[in-house]
Amino acid sequence: MRDDGRVDSDDDAEAILDRAARHIDRHELADARRLLTPLIGRPAELAPVSHCRLLIDWGWLCAADQRYAEARTFFAQAAAEAESLSLPHLVVEALREAGIAARLEGRRAEADQLLARSAELAELAGLWVDARTHRSFSVWLTTARNPRPNSPPRSPTRSRSRRPAAP
């Protein structure tokens, strides 16, 4: 990034987005915001994929600050742009984040719709999403419903009684 805040190349933007994502994952929101602020005002300087990632991360920061209306706007824009670019993994992520933000805000019916749509698209696109590795709540998709490709089948869970055996 240059001194005036402009990005020199797509590689620079990707590096900034990656660093910001690591800060978000560690909940270092001020550091992430500092990195993303110069980019949010200059969408024309970013590749479309980078812009979608930026919108999702910025929406996440808004949701973390309980600015849910702003977060909704950024997630919706990211989902629309990703869909127009045929990037199902980013559509799934934007819808999932929007659903989680809706749930945090108490809009449960909308959250359920967004999360169901995200899970449906993930399944249709053959994406495996492990919510445990994502910075979000694991409220919508489990590995039992959508197993990791090429993984051995999961054994059904058995209910084990804690009562001692009868004599």
Protein backbone atom coordinates (compact mmCIF):
# COMPACT_ATOMS: atom_id res chain seq x y z
CA MET A 1 0.00 0.00 0.00
CA ARG A 2 1.26 3.45 -0.87
CA ASP A 3 1.54 6.37 1.55
CA ASP A 4 -1.71 7.86 0.23
CA GLY A 5 -3.58 4.66 1.18
CA ARG A 6 -3.95 3.40 -2.37
CA VAL A 7 -3.29 -0.23 -3.20
CA ASP A 8 -0.49 -0.91 -5.70
CA SER A 9 -1.71 -4.30 -6.91
CA ASP A 10 -4.20 -7.11 -6.38
CA ASP A 11 -1.45 -8.95 -4.51
CA ASP A 12 -1.17 -6.05 -2.06
CA ALA A 13 -4.95 -6.04 -1.56
CA GLU A 14 -4.98 -9.81 -0.97
CA ALA A 15 -2.14 -9.50 1.54
CA ILE A 16 -4.01 -6.74 3.38
CA LEU A 17 -7.25 -8.76 3.39
CA ASP A 18 -5.39 -11.82 4.70
CA ARG A 19 -3.76 -9.81 7.49
CA ALA A 20 -7.09 -8.22 8.39
CA ALA A 21 -8.78 -11.64 8.46
CA ARG A 22 -6.13 -12.90 10.89
CA HIS A 23 -6.79 -9.88 13.14
CA ILE A 24 -10.53 -10.54 12.96
CA ASP A 25 -9.99 -14.20 13.84
CA ARG A 26 -8.05 -13.09 16.94
CA HIS A 27 -10.74 -10.48 17.66
CA GLU A 28 -8.24 -7.65 17.20
CA LEU A 29 -10.92 -5.51 15.62
CA ALA A 30 -9.13 -2.15 15.81
CA ASP A 31 -6.17 -3.58 13.88
CA ALA A 32 -8.45 -5.11 11.26
CA ARG A 33 -10.39 -1.86 10.91
CA ARG A 34 -7.16 0.10 10.51
CA LEU A 35 -6.10 -2.16 7.64
CA LEU A 36 -9.49 -2.23 5.90
CA THR A 37 -10.50 1.44 6.24
CA PRO A 38 -8.35 2.66 3.33
CA LEU A 39 -9.77 -0.09 1.11
CA ILE A 40 -13.46 0.35 1.90
CA GLY A 41 -13.53 3.79 0.30
CA ARG A 42 -11.78 2.67 -2.88
CA PRO A 43 -13.66 -0.31 -4.34
CA ALA A 44 -12.59 0.51 -7.92
CA GLU A 45 -8.97 -0.27 -7.01
CA LEU A 46 -9.79 -3.85 -6.02
CA ALA A 47 -10.34 -6.96 -8.07
CA PRO A 48 -13.99 -8.09 -7.82
CA VAL A 49 -13.12 -11.11 -5.65
CA SER A 50 -11.10 -8.94 -3.28
CA HIS A 51 -13.96 -6.45 -3.12
CA CYS A 52 -16.40 -9.21 -2.12
CA ARG A 53 -14.01 -10.37 0.61
CA LEU A 54 -13.66 -6.79 1.81
CA LEU A 55 -17.44 -6.35 2.00
CA ILE A 56 -17.80 -9.53 4.05
CA ASP A 57 -15.02 -8.59 6.47
CA TRP A 58 -16.29 -5.03 6.82
CA GLY A 59 -19.81 -6.36 7.44
CA TRP A 60 -18.37 -8.62 10.11
CA LEU A 61 -16.70 -5.65 11.79
CA CYS A 62 -20.00 -3.74 11.71
CA ALA A 63 -21.81 -6.71 13.28
CA ALA A 64 -19.11 -6.99 15.95
CA ASP A 65 -19.80 -3.34 16.81
CA GLN A 66 -23.57 -4.12 16.88
CA ARG A 67 -24.17 -1.92 13.83
CA TYR A 68 -26.45 -4.56 12.36
CA ALA A 69 -28.18 -2.40 9.73
CA GLU A 70 -24.79 -1.54 8.21
CA ALA A 71 -23.67 -5.16 8.44
CA ARG A 72 -26.84 -6.26 6.59
CA THR A 73 -26.07 -3.81 3.79
CA PHE A 74 -22.47 -5.01 3.38
CA PHE A 75 -23.41 -8.71 3.51
CA ALA A 76 -26.23 -8.22 0.97
CA GLN A 77 -23.92 -6.32 -1.36
CA ALA A 78 -21.23 -9.00 -1.02
CA ALA A 79 -23.72 -11.80 -1.73
CA ALA A 80 -25.11 -9.98 -4.78
CA GLU A 81 -21.66 -9.25 -6.20
CA ALA A 82 -20.41 -12.78 -5.53
CA GLU A 83 -23.49 -14.23 -7.18
CA SER A 84 -23.03 -12.04 -10.25
CA LEU A 85 -19.41 -13.24 -10.46
CA SER A 86 -20.42 -16.91 -10.01
CA LEU A 87 -18.41 -17.27 -6.79
CA PRO A 88 -20.54 -19.67 -4.72
CA HIS A 89 -18.06 -19.90 -1.84
CA LEU A 90 -18.35 -16.15 -1.24
CA VAL A 91 -22.15 -16.18 -1.64
CA VAL A 92 -22.30 -18.94 0.99
CA GLU A 93 -20.01 -16.99 3.33
CA ALA A 94 -21.91 -13.71 2.92
CA LEU A 95 -25.27 -15.39 3.56
CA ARG A 96 -23.90 -17.29 6.55
CA GLU A 97 -22.47 -14.14 8.11
CA ALA A 98 -25.71 -12.26 7.41
CA GLY A 99 -27.64 -15.05 9.11
CA ILE A 100 -25.42 -15.02 12.15
CA ALA A 101 -25.70 -11.22 12.43
CA ALA A 102 -29.50 -11.51 12.09
CA ARG A 103 -29.54 -14.08 14.88
CA LEU A 104 -27.42 -11.84 17.12
CA GLU A 105 -29.82 -9.00 16.43
CA GLY A 106 -32.77 -11.20 17.40
CA ARG A 107 -34.26 -11.52 13.90
CA ARG A 108 -34.60 -15.29 14.19
CA ALA A 109 -36.92 -16.00 11.25
CA GLU A 110 -34.69 -14.04 8.87
CA ALA A 111 -31.60 -15.70 10.35
CA ASP A 112 -33.05 -19.16 9.79
CA GLN A 113 -33.85 -18.29 6.16
CA LEU A 114 -30.38 -16.91 5.47
CA LEU A 115 -28.61 -19.82 7.15
CA ALA A 116 -30.78 -22.38 5.37
CA ARG A 117 -30.11 -20.70 2.02
CA SER A 118 -26.38 -20.65 2.77
CA ALA A 119 -26.38 -24.35 3.67
CA GLU A 120 -28.43 -25.18 0.57
CA LEU A 121 -26.04 -23.31 -1.72
CA ALA A 122 -23.03 -24.91 -0.04
CA GLU A 123 -24.50 -28.35 -0.64
CA LEU A 124 -25.41 -27.56 -4.26
CA ALA A 125 -21.92 -26.23 -4.95
CA GLY A 126 -20.28 -29.21 -3.26
CA LEU A 127 -18.65 -27.00 -0.65
CA TRP A 128 -17.70 -28.37 2.69
CA VAL A 129 -17.99 -25.78 5.40
CA ASP A 130 -16.86 -26.53 8.91
CA ALA A 131 -18.37 -23.87 11.13
CA ARG A 132 -15.92 -24.80 13.91
CA THR A 133 -13.02 -23.36 11.93
CA HIS A 134 -14.86 -20.20 11.06
CA ARG A 135 -15.00 -17.15 13.30
CA SER A 136 -18.78 -17.57 13.43
CA PHE A 137 -21.05 -19.61 15.66
CA SER A 138 -21.54 -23.20 14.63
CA VAL A 139 -25.31 -22.85 14.54
CA TRP A 140 -26.20 -24.01 11.11
CA LEU A 141 -24.08 -26.73 9.59
CA THR A 142 -22.41 -29.75 11.05
CA THR A 143 -20.00 -32.18 9.54
CA ALA A 144 -22.59 -34.91 10.04
CA ARG A 145 -24.97 -33.17 7.61
CA ASN A 146 -22.32 -32.23 5.06
CA PRO A 147 -19.29 -34.50 5.48
CA ARG A 148 -15.85 -33.55 4.28
CA PRO A 149 -15.16 -34.93 0.81
CA ASN A 150 -13.18 -38.18 0.75
CA SER A 151 -13.59 -38.68 4.46
CA PRO A 152 -14.60 -42.01 5.95
CA PRO A 153 -18.27 -42.34 6.79
CA ARG A 154 -19.22 -41.26 10.26
CA SER A 155 -20.58 -43.86 12.60
CA PRO A 156 -24.00 -43.13 14.02
CA THR A 157 -23.95 -41.74 17.52
CA ARG A 158 -25.11 -44.11 20.18
CA SER A 159 -26.86 -43.14 23.32
CA ARG A 160 -24.93 -44.58 26.22
CA SER A 161 -26.66 -45.01 29.47
CA ARG A 162 -24.72 -43.97 32.55
CA ARG A 163 -26.70 -46.34 34.73
CA PRO A 164 -24.85 -49.31 36.08
CA ALA A 165 -25.70 -52.64 34.50
CA ALA A 166 -28.48 -54.59 36.18
CA PRO A 167 -27.23 -57.43 38.41
